[in-house]
PDB file of N, CA and C in Angstrom:
ATOM      1  N   MET A   1      15.605  23.583  -4.807  1.00  0.00           N
ATOM      2  CA  MET A   1      14.214  22.903  -4.772  1.00  0.00           C
ATOM      3  C   MET A   1      14.219  22.321  -3.184  1.00  0.00           C
ATOM      4  N   GLU A   2      12.984  22.749  -2.900  1.00  0.00           N
ATOM      5  CA  GLU A   2      12.224  22.256  -1.288  1.00  0.00           C
ATOM      6  C   GLU A   2      12.325  20.885  -1.299  1.00  0.00           C
ATOM      7  N   GLU A   3      13.015  20.437  -0.109  1.00  0.00           N
ATOM      8  CA  GLU A   3      12.788  19.142   0.513  1.00  0.00           C
ATOM      9  C   GLU A   3      11.362  18.560   0.542  1.00  0.00           C
ATOM     10  N   ILE A   4      11.193  17.552  -0.140  1.00  0.00           N
ATOM     11  CA  ILE A   4       9.963  16.736   0.038  1.00  0.00           C
ATOM     12  C   ILE A   4       9.574  16.635   1.587  1.00  0.00           C
ATOM     13  N   PRO A   5       8.306  17.225   1.804  1.00  0.00           N
ATOM     14  CA  PRO A   5       7.993  16.769   3.303  1.00  0.00           C
ATOM     15  C   PRO A   5       7.811  15.252   3.749  1.00  0.00           C
ATOM     16  N   PHE A   6       8.480  14.870   5.153  1.00  0.00           N
ATOM     17  CA  PHE A   6       7.921  13.538   5.563  1.00  0.00           C
ATOM     18  C   PHE A   6       6.467  13.236   5.293  1.00  0.00           C
ATOM     19  N   GLU A   7       5.506  14.125   5.852  1.00  0.00           N
ATOM     20  CA  GLU A   7       4.528  13.960   5.971  1.00  0.00           C
ATOM     21  C   GLU A   7       3.750  13.318   4.507  1.00  0.00           C
ATOM     22  N   GLN A   8       4.002  14.138   3.250  1.00  0.00           N
ATOM     23  CA  GLN A   8       3.910  13.390   2.449  1.00  0.00           C
ATOM     24  C   GLN A   8       4.421  12.099   1.915  1.00  0.00           C
ATOM     25  N   VAL A   9       5.240  11.630   2.146  1.00  0.00           N
ATOM     26  CA  VAL A   9       5.650  10.436   1.572  1.00  0.00           C
ATOM     27  C   VAL A   9       5.150   9.559   2.736  1.00  0.00           C
ATOM     28  N   ARG A  10       4.719  10.092   4.100  1.00  0.00           N
ATOM     29  CA  ARG A  10       4.200   8.749   4.606  1.00  0.00           C
ATOM     30  C   ARG A  10       2.582   8.779   4.377  1.00  0.00           C
ATOM     31  N   SER A  11       1.834  10.181   3.787  1.00  0.00           N
ATOM     32  CA  SER A  11       0.548  10.017   3.179  1.00  0.00           C
ATOM     33  C   SER A  11       0.555   9.051   2.503  1.00  0.00           C
ATOM     34  N   LEU A  12       1.441   9.157   1.032  1.00  0.00           N
ATOM     35  CA  LEU A  12       1.353   8.145  -0.211  1.00  0.00           C
ATOM     36  C   LEU A  12       1.129   6.892   0.553  1.00  0.00           C
ATOM     37  N   LEU A  13       2.760   6.705   1.528  1.00  0.00           N
ATOM     38  CA  LEU A  13       2.900   5.009   1.901  1.00  0.00           C
ATOM     39  C   LEU A  13       1.179   4.695   2.259  1.00  0.00           C
ATOM     40  N   CYS A  14       0.179   5.401   2.922  1.00  0.00           N
ATOM     41  CA  CYS A  14      -0.538   5.179   3.619  1.00  0.00           C
ATOM     42  C   CYS A  14      -1.583   4.887   2.351  1.00  0.00           C
ATOM     43  N   GLU A  15      -1.634   5.547   1.433  1.00  0.00           N
ATOM     44  CA  GLU A  15      -2.338   5.734   0.218  1.00  0.00           C
ATOM     45  C   GLU A  15      -2.483   4.461  -0.489  1.00  0.00           C
ATOM     46  N   VAL A  16      -1.106   3.815  -0.830  1.00  0.00           N
ATOM     47  CA  VAL A  16      -0.971   2.600  -1.562  1.00  0.00           C
ATOM     48  C   VAL A  16      -1.142   1.339  -0.957  1.00  0.00           C
ATOM     49  N   LEU A  17      -0.914   1.360   0.833  1.00  0.00           N
ATOM     50  CA  LEU A  17      -1.411   0.543   1.563  1.00  0.00           C
ATOM     51  C   LEU A  17      -3.020   0.547   1.847  1.00  0.00           C
ATOM     52  N   SER A  18      -3.337   1.105   1.589  1.00  0.00           N
ATOM     53  CA  SER A  18      -4.851   1.666   1.808  1.00  0.00           C
ATOM     54  C   SER A  18      -4.873   1.581   3.687  1.00  0.00           C
ATOM     55  N   LEU A  19      -3.952   2.226   4.597  1.00  0.00           N
ATOM     56  CA  LEU A  19      -4.025   2.002   5.788  1.00  0.00           C
ATOM     57  C   LEU A  19      -4.815   3.346   6.264  1.00  0.00           C
ATOM     58  N   GLU A  20      -5.683   3.968   6.026  1.00  0.00           N
ATOM     59  CA  GLU A  20      -6.779   5.021   6.119  1.00  0.00           C
ATOM     60  C   GLU A  20      -6.858   4.788   7.332  1.00  0.00           C
ATOM     61  N   GLY A  21      -6.730   5.944   8.354  1.00  0.00           N
ATOM     62  CA  GLY A  21      -6.766   6.482   9.633  1.00  0.00           C
ATOM     63  C   GLY A  21      -5.669   5.511  10.908  1.00  0.00           C
ATOM     64  N   ARG A  22      -4.950   4.767   9.798  1.00  0.00           N
ATOM     65  CA  ARG A  22      -3.392   4.598  10.519  1.00  0.00           C
ATOM     66  C   ARG A  22      -1.826   5.559  10.295  1.00  0.00           C
ATOM     67  N   GLU A  23      -2.321   6.563   9.686  1.00  0.00           N
ATOM     68  CA  GLU A  23      -1.212   7.968   9.158  1.00  0.00           C
ATOM     69  C   GLU A  23      -0.753   8.502  10.082  1.00  0.00           C
ATOM     70  N   ALA A  24      -1.274   8.463  11.722  1.00  0.00           N
ATOM     71  CA  ALA A  24      -1.074   9.038  12.383  1.00  0.00           C
ATOM     72  C   ALA A  24      -0.284   8.267  13.207  1.00  0.00           C
ATOM     73  N   GLU A  25      -0.594   7.320  13.164  1.00  0.00           N
ATOM     74  CA  GLU A  25       0.498   6.089  14.082  1.00  0.00           C
ATOM     75  C   GLU A  25       1.804   5.742  13.481  1.00  0.00           C
ATOM     76  N   LEU A  26       2.200   6.352  12.328  1.00  0.00           N
ATOM     77  CA  LEU A  26       3.347   5.852  11.637  1.00  0.00           C
ATOM     78  C   LEU A  26       4.140   7.133  12.123  1.00  0.00           C
ATOM     79  N   ASP A  27       5.985   7.184  12.330  1.00  0.00           N
ATOM     80  CA  ASP A  27       6.464   7.653  12.648  1.00  0.00           C
ATOM     81  C   ASP A  27       8.018   7.230  11.844  1.00  0.00           C
ATOM     82  N   GLY A  28       8.810   8.299  12.152  1.00  0.00           N
ATOM     83  CA  GLY A  28      10.465   7.265  11.205  1.00  0.00           C
ATOM     84  C   GLY A  28      10.453   6.604  11.655  1.00  0.00           C
ATOM     85  N   ASP A  29      10.396   5.921  12.655  1.00  0.00           N
ATOM     86  CA  ASP A  29      10.860   4.372  13.456  1.00  0.00           C
ATOM     87  C   ASP A  29      10.230   3.378  13.202  1.00  0.00           C
ATOM     88  N   SER A  30       8.810   3.710  12.477  1.00  0.00           N
ATOM     89  CA  SER A  30       7.708   2.981  12.495  1.00  0.00           C
ATOM     90  C   SER A  30       8.634   1.435  11.444  1.00  0.00           C
ATOM     91  N   PRO A  31       8.160   0.572  11.994  1.00  0.00           N
ATOM     92  CA  PRO A  31       9.169  -0.632  10.752  1.00  0.00           C
ATOM     93  C   PRO A  31       8.075  -0.568   9.842  1.00  0.00           C
ATOM     94  N   LEU A  32       8.546  -1.179   8.584  1.00  0.00           N
ATOM     95  CA  LEU A  32       7.751  -1.393   7.504  1.00  0.00           C
ATOM     96  C   LEU A  32       7.821  -2.747   7.084  1.00  0.00           C
ATOM     97  N   LEU A  33       8.752  -3.395   6.412  1.00  0.00           N
ATOM     98  CA  LEU A  33       9.067  -4.530   5.692  1.00  0.00           C
ATOM     99  C   LEU A  33       8.743  -5.519   7.191  1.00  0.00           C
ATOM    100  N   GLY A  34       7.671  -6.522   6.650  1.00  0.00           N
ATOM    101  CA  GLY A  34       7.843  -7.685   8.003  1.00  0.00           C
ATOM    102  C   GLY A  34       6.980  -7.159   8.751  1.00  0.00           C
ATOM    103  N   ALA A  35       6.590  -5.914   8.894  1.00  0.00           N
ATOM    104  CA  ALA A  35       5.664  -5.334  10.298  1.00  0.00           C
ATOM    105  C   ALA A  35       4.250  -4.964   9.553  1.00  0.00           C
ATOM    106  N   ILE A  36       4.073  -4.787   8.574  1.00  0.00           N
ATOM    107  CA  ILE A  36       2.633  -4.053   7.410  1.00  0.00           C
ATOM    108  C   ILE A  36       2.561  -5.027   7.230  1.00  0.00           C
ATOM    109  N   PRO A  37       1.669  -5.861   7.395  1.00  0.00           N
ATOM    110  CA  PRO A  37       0.731  -6.928   6.133  1.00  0.00           C
ATOM    111  C   PRO A  37       0.774  -6.704   4.887  1.00  0.00           C
ATOM    112  N   GLU A  38       0.602  -5.805   4.749  1.00  0.00           N
ATOM    113  CA  GLU A  38       0.040  -4.920   3.430  1.00  0.00           C
ATOM    114  C   GLU A  38       1.278  -5.007   2.495  1.00  0.00           C
ATOM    115  N   PHE A  39       2.268  -4.587   3.413  1.00  0.00           N
ATOM    116  CA  PHE A  39       3.529  -4.321   2.269  1.00  0.00           C
ATOM    117  C   PHE A  39       4.429  -5.484   1.937  1.00  0.00           C
ATOM    118  N   ASP A  40       4.028  -5.522   0.985  1.00  0.00           N
ATOM    119  CA  ASP A  40       4.751  -7.178   0.504  1.00  0.00           C
ATOM    120  C   ASP A  40       5.202  -6.693  -0.895  1.00  0.00           C
ATOM    121  N   SER A  41       5.948  -7.569  -1.400  1.00  0.00           N
ATOM    122  CA  SER A  41       6.758  -7.168  -2.823  1.00  0.00           C
ATOM    123  C   SER A  41       6.010  -6.412  -4.014  1.00  0.00           C
ATOM    124  N   LEU A  42       4.863  -6.663  -3.690  1.00  0.00           N
ATOM    125  CA  LEU A  42       3.629  -5.500  -4.960  1.00  0.00           C
ATOM    126  C   LEU A  42       3.484  -4.409  -4.626  1.00  0.00           C
ATOM    127  N   ALA A  43       3.444  -4.382  -3.116  1.00  0.00           N
ATOM    128  CA  ALA A  43       2.940  -3.419  -2.448  1.00  0.00           C
ATOM    129  C   ALA A  43       4.455  -2.164  -2.838  1.00  0.00           C
ATOM    130  N   VAL A  44       5.674  -3.118  -2.655  1.00  0.00           N
ATOM    131  CA  VAL A  44       6.608  -1.968  -3.048  1.00  0.00           C
ATOM    132  C   VAL A  44       6.907  -1.444  -4.108  1.00  0.00           C
ATOM    133  N   MET A  45       6.602  -2.136  -5.118  1.00  0.00           N
ATOM    134  CA  MET A  45       6.733  -1.816  -6.833  1.00  0.00           C
ATOM    135  C   MET A  45       5.728  -0.671  -7.085  1.00  0.00           C
ATOM    136  N   GLU A  46       4.395  -0.681  -5.863  1.00  0.00           N
ATOM    137  CA  GLU A  46       3.209  -0.164  -6.522  1.00  0.00           C
ATOM    138  C   GLU A  46       3.815   1.656  -5.807  1.00  0.00           C
ATOM    139  N   LEU A  47       4.296   1.478  -4.341  1.00  0.00           N
ATOM    140  CA  LEU A  47       4.955   2.712  -4.090  1.00  0.00           C
ATOM    141  C   LEU A  47       5.682   3.403  -4.720  1.00  0.00           C
ATOM    142  N   LEU A  48       6.755   2.427  -5.149  1.00  0.00           N
ATOM    143  CA  LEU A  48       8.044   3.371  -5.926  1.00  0.00           C
ATOM    144  C   LEU A  48       7.401   4.034  -7.275  1.00  0.00           C
ATOM    145  N   THR A  49       6.360   3.059  -8.003  1.00  0.00           N
ATOM    146  CA  THR A  49       6.128   3.975  -8.854  1.00  0.00           C
ATOM    147  C   THR A  49       5.114   5.414  -8.611  1.00  0.00           C
ATOM    148  N   ALA A  50       4.389   5.161  -7.623  1.00  0.00           N
ATOM    149  CA  ALA A  50       3.778   6.268  -7.112  1.00  0.00           C
ATOM    150  C   ALA A  50       4.578   7.222  -6.171  1.00  0.00           C
ATOM    151  N   LEU A  51       5.870   7.107  -6.029  1.00  0.00           N
ATOM    152  CA  LEU A  51       7.002   7.883  -5.841  1.00  0.00           C
ATOM    153  C   LEU A  51       7.415   8.659  -6.457  1.00  0.00           C
ATOM    154  N   GLU A  52       7.741   8.040  -8.174  1.00  0.00           N
ATOM    155  CA  GLU A  52       8.118   8.448  -9.157  1.00  0.00           C
ATOM    156  C   GLU A  52       6.676   9.195  -9.706  1.00  0.00           C
ATOM    157  N   ARG A  53       6.245   9.405  -9.943  1.00  0.00           N
ATOM    158  CA  ARG A  53       5.027   9.771 -10.655  1.00  0.00           C
ATOM    159  C   ARG A  53       4.462  11.283 -10.059  1.00  0.00           C
ATOM    160  N   ARG A  54       4.147  10.892  -8.498  1.00  0.00           N
ATOM    161  CA  ARG A  54       3.781  11.915  -7.466  1.00  0.00           C
ATOM    162  C   ARG A  54       4.898  12.873  -7.052  1.00  0.00           C
ATOM    163  N   LEU A  55       6.270  12.880  -6.843  1.00  0.00           N
ATOM    164  CA  LEU A  55       7.148  13.647  -6.354  1.00  0.00           C
ATOM    165  C   LEU A  55       8.076  13.348  -7.291  1.00  0.00           C
ATOM    166  N   GLY A  56       7.636  12.969  -8.368  1.00  0.00           N
ATOM    167  CA  GLY A  56       8.929  13.625  -9.840  1.00  0.00           C
ATOM    168  C   GLY A  56      10.685  13.001  -9.491  1.00  0.00           C
ATOM    169  N   ILE A  57      10.252  12.115  -8.969  1.00  0.00           N
ATOM    170  CA  ILE A  57      11.996  11.482  -8.593  1.00  0.00           C
ATOM    171  C   ILE A  57      12.370  10.239  -9.592  1.00  0.00           C
ATOM    172  N   ALA A  58      13.470   9.959 -10.019  1.00  0.00           N
ATOM    173  CA  ALA A  58      13.748   8.711 -10.708  1.00  0.00           C
ATOM    174  C   ALA A  58      14.211   7.879  -9.757  1.00  0.00           C
ATOM    175  N   ILE A  59      13.640   6.867  -9.960  1.00  0.00           N
ATOM    176  CA  ILE A  59      14.146   5.310  -9.151  1.00  0.00           C
ATOM    177  C   ILE A  59      14.556   4.548 -10.348  1.00  0.00           C
ATOM    178  N   ASP A  60      16.353   3.932 -10.390  1.00  0.00           N
ATOM    179  CA  ASP A  60      16.678   3.318 -10.802  1.00  0.00           C
ATOM    180  C   ASP A  60      16.766   1.385 -10.118  1.00  0.00           C
ATOM    181  N   ASP A  61      16.696   0.817 -10.725  1.00  0.00           N
ATOM    182  CA  ASP A  61      15.951  -0.564 -10.280  1.00  0.00           C
ATOM    183  C   ASP A  61      17.281  -1.077  -9.257  1.00  0.00           C
ATOM    184  N   GLN A  62      18.462  -0.680 -10.010  1.00  0.00           N
ATOM    185  CA  GLN A  62      19.582  -0.814  -9.445  1.00  0.00           C
ATOM    186  C   GLN A  62      19.986  -0.114  -7.712  1.00  0.00           C
ATOM    187  N   GLU A  63      19.188   1.029  -7.887  1.00  0.00           N
ATOM    188  CA  GLU A  63      19.321   1.687  -6.577  1.00  0.00           C
ATOM    189  C   GLU A  63      18.572   1.175  -5.224  1.00  0.00           C
ATOM    190  N   ILE A  64      17.827   0.178  -5.292  1.00  0.00           N
ATOM    191  CA  ILE A  64      16.697  -0.733  -4.516  1.00  0.00           C
ATOM    192  C   ILE A  64      17.532  -1.745  -3.837  1.00  0.00           C
ATOM    193  N   ASP A  65      17.148  -1.198  -2.388  1.00  0.00           N
ATOM    194  CA  ASP A  65      17.452  -2.296  -1.140  1.00  0.00           C
ATOM    195  C   ASP A  65      16.581  -2.252  -0.161  1.00  0.00           C
ATOM    196  N   ALA A  66      16.704  -3.495   0.052  1.00  0.00           N
ATOM    197  CA  ALA A  66      14.952  -3.674   0.838  1.00  0.00           C
ATOM    198  C   ALA A  66      15.379  -2.970   2.224  1.00  0.00           C
ATOM    199  N   ASP A  67      17.119  -2.637   2.571  1.00  0.00           N
ATOM    200  CA  ASP A  67      17.287  -2.306   3.599  1.00  0.00           C
ATOM    201  C   ASP A  67      16.126  -0.686   3.823  1.00  0.00           C
ATOM    202  N   ASP A  68      16.080   0.176   2.758  1.00  0.00           N
ATOM    203  CA  ASP A  68      15.480   1.195   2.312  1.00  0.00           C
ATOM    204  C   ASP A  68      14.053   1.238   2.897  1.00  0.00           C
ATOM    205  N   PHE A  69      13.372   0.101   2.930  1.00  0.00           N
ATOM    206  CA  PHE A  69      12.168  -0.127   3.277  1.00  0.00           C
ATOM    207  C   PHE A  69      11.915  -0.577   4.700  1.00  0.00           C
ATOM    208  N   LEU A  70      12.540  -0.685   5.799  1.00  0.00           N
ATOM    209  CA  LEU A  70      12.744  -1.012   6.910  1.00  0.00           C
ATOM    210  C   LEU A  70      12.315  -0.465   8.036  1.00  0.00           C
ATOM    211  N   THR A  71      11.849   0.521   7.769  1.00  0.00           N
ATOM    212  CA  THR A  71      11.505   1.829   8.219  1.00  0.00           C
ATOM    213  C   THR A  71      11.042   2.839   7.631  1.00  0.00           C
ATOM    214  N   LEU A  72      10.012   3.994   8.398  1.00  0.00           N
ATOM    215  CA  LEU A  72       9.194   4.826   7.269  1.00  0.00           C
ATOM    216  C   LEU A  72      10.545   6.098   7.240  1.00  0.00           C
ATOM    217  N   GLY A  73      10.890   6.347   8.471  1.00  0.00           N
ATOM    218  CA  GLY A  73      12.171   6.779   8.550  1.00  0.00           C
ATOM    219  C   GLY A  73      13.466   6.739   7.414  1.00  0.00           C
ATOM    220  N   ARG A  74      13.621   5.599   6.844  1.00  0.00           N
ATOM    221  CA  ARG A  74      14.511   4.926   6.030  1.00  0.00           C
ATOM    222  C   ARG A  74      14.273   5.045   4.728  1.00  0.00           C
ATOM    223  N   LEU A  75      13.013   4.994   4.225  1.00  0.00           N
ATOM    224  CA  LEU A  75      12.237   4.898   3.735  1.00  0.00           C
ATOM    225  C   LEU A  75      12.137   6.816   2.961  1.00  0.00           C
ATOM    226  N   TYR A  76      12.051   7.299   3.874  1.00  0.00           N
ATOM    227  CA  TYR A  76      11.936   8.929   3.708  1.00  0.00           C
ATOM    228  C   TYR A  76      13.440   9.320   3.138  1.00  0.00           C
ATOM    229  N   ARG A  77      14.649   8.602   3.936  1.00  0.00           N
ATOM    230  CA  ARG A  77      16.062   9.554   3.293  1.00  0.00           C
ATOM    231  C   ARG A  77      16.065   8.797   2.171  1.00  0.00           C
ATOM    232  N   PHE A  78      15.629   7.273   1.314  1.00  0.00           N
ATOM    233  CA  PHE A  78      16.188   7.050   0.349  1.00  0.00           C
ATOM    234  C   PHE A  78      15.186   8.194  -0.638  1.00  0.00           C
ATOM    235  N   VAL A  79      14.167   8.460  -0.383  1.00  0.00           N
ATOM    236  CA  VAL A  79      13.059   9.311  -1.311  1.00  0.00           C
ATOM    237  C   VAL A  79      13.840  10.680  -1.266  1.00  0.00           C
ATOM    238  N   LEU A  80      14.560  11.374   0.103  1.00  0.00           N
ATOM    239  CA  LEU A  80      15.365  12.430   0.134  1.00  0.00           C
ATOM    240  C   LEU A  80      16.738  12.531  -0.763  1.00  0.00           C
ATOM    241  N   GLU A  81      17.313  11.189  -1.144  1.00  0.00           N
ATOM    242  CA  GLU A  81      18.348  11.114  -1.648  1.00  0.00           C
ATOM    243  C   GLU A  81      18.246  10.806  -3.514  1.00  0.00           C
ATOM    244  N   ARG A  82      17.016  10.246  -3.319  1.00  0.00           N
ATOM    245  CA  ARG A  82      16.629  10.326  -5.082  1.00  0.00           C
ATOM    246  C   ARG A  82      16.304  11.747  -5.831  1.00  0.00           C
ATOM    247  N   GLN A  83      15.786  12.738  -4.645  1.00  0.00           N
ATOM    248  CA  GLN A  83      15.463  14.028  -5.240  1.00  0.00           C
ATOM    249  C   GLN A  83      16.651  14.570  -5.087  1.00  0.00           C
ATOM    250  N   ARG A  84      17.795  14.833  -4.301  1.00  0.00           N
ATOM    251  CA  ARG A  84      18.997  15.449  -4.586  1.00  0.00           C
ATOM    252  C   ARG A  84      19.773  14.909  -5.958  1.00  0.00           C
ATOM    253  N   GLN A  85      19.620  13.931  -6.293  1.00  0.00           N
ATOM    254  CA  GLN A  85      20.259  13.598  -7.636  1.00  0.00           C
ATOM    255  C   GLN A  85      19.516  13.979  -8.938  1.00  0.00           C
ATOM    256  N   ALA A  86      18.050  14.041  -8.466  1.00  0.00           N
ATOM    257  CA  ALA A  86      17.278  14.669  -9.429  1.00  0.00           C
ATOM    258  C   ALA A  86      17.601  16.202  -9.649  1.00  0.00           C
ATOM    259  N   GLY A  87      17.930  16.883  -8.700  1.00  0.00           N
ATOM    260  CA  GLY A  87      18.146  18.279  -8.438  1.00  0.00           C
ATOM    261  C   GLY A  87      19.051  18.862  -8.900  1.00  0.00           C
TER     262      GLY A  87
END
């Protein structure tokens, strides 16, 4: 199974948060929770749903930890772990 590209996760995040034009500003070290006003608890749930639907991964509620949403890089690693579990 081919690894999900970082750019795809970043693009999906920007789409869910309506951050058009800011995608290029975000890298693996970019803070998310607490740093992006649009990234609230409702947005987290919307993002998780979008990740499951678009990337074909399954996310169990018990696997969710706020630390996974501290930076874009941590979110990406979270997605890759879910992909490996599915594969």
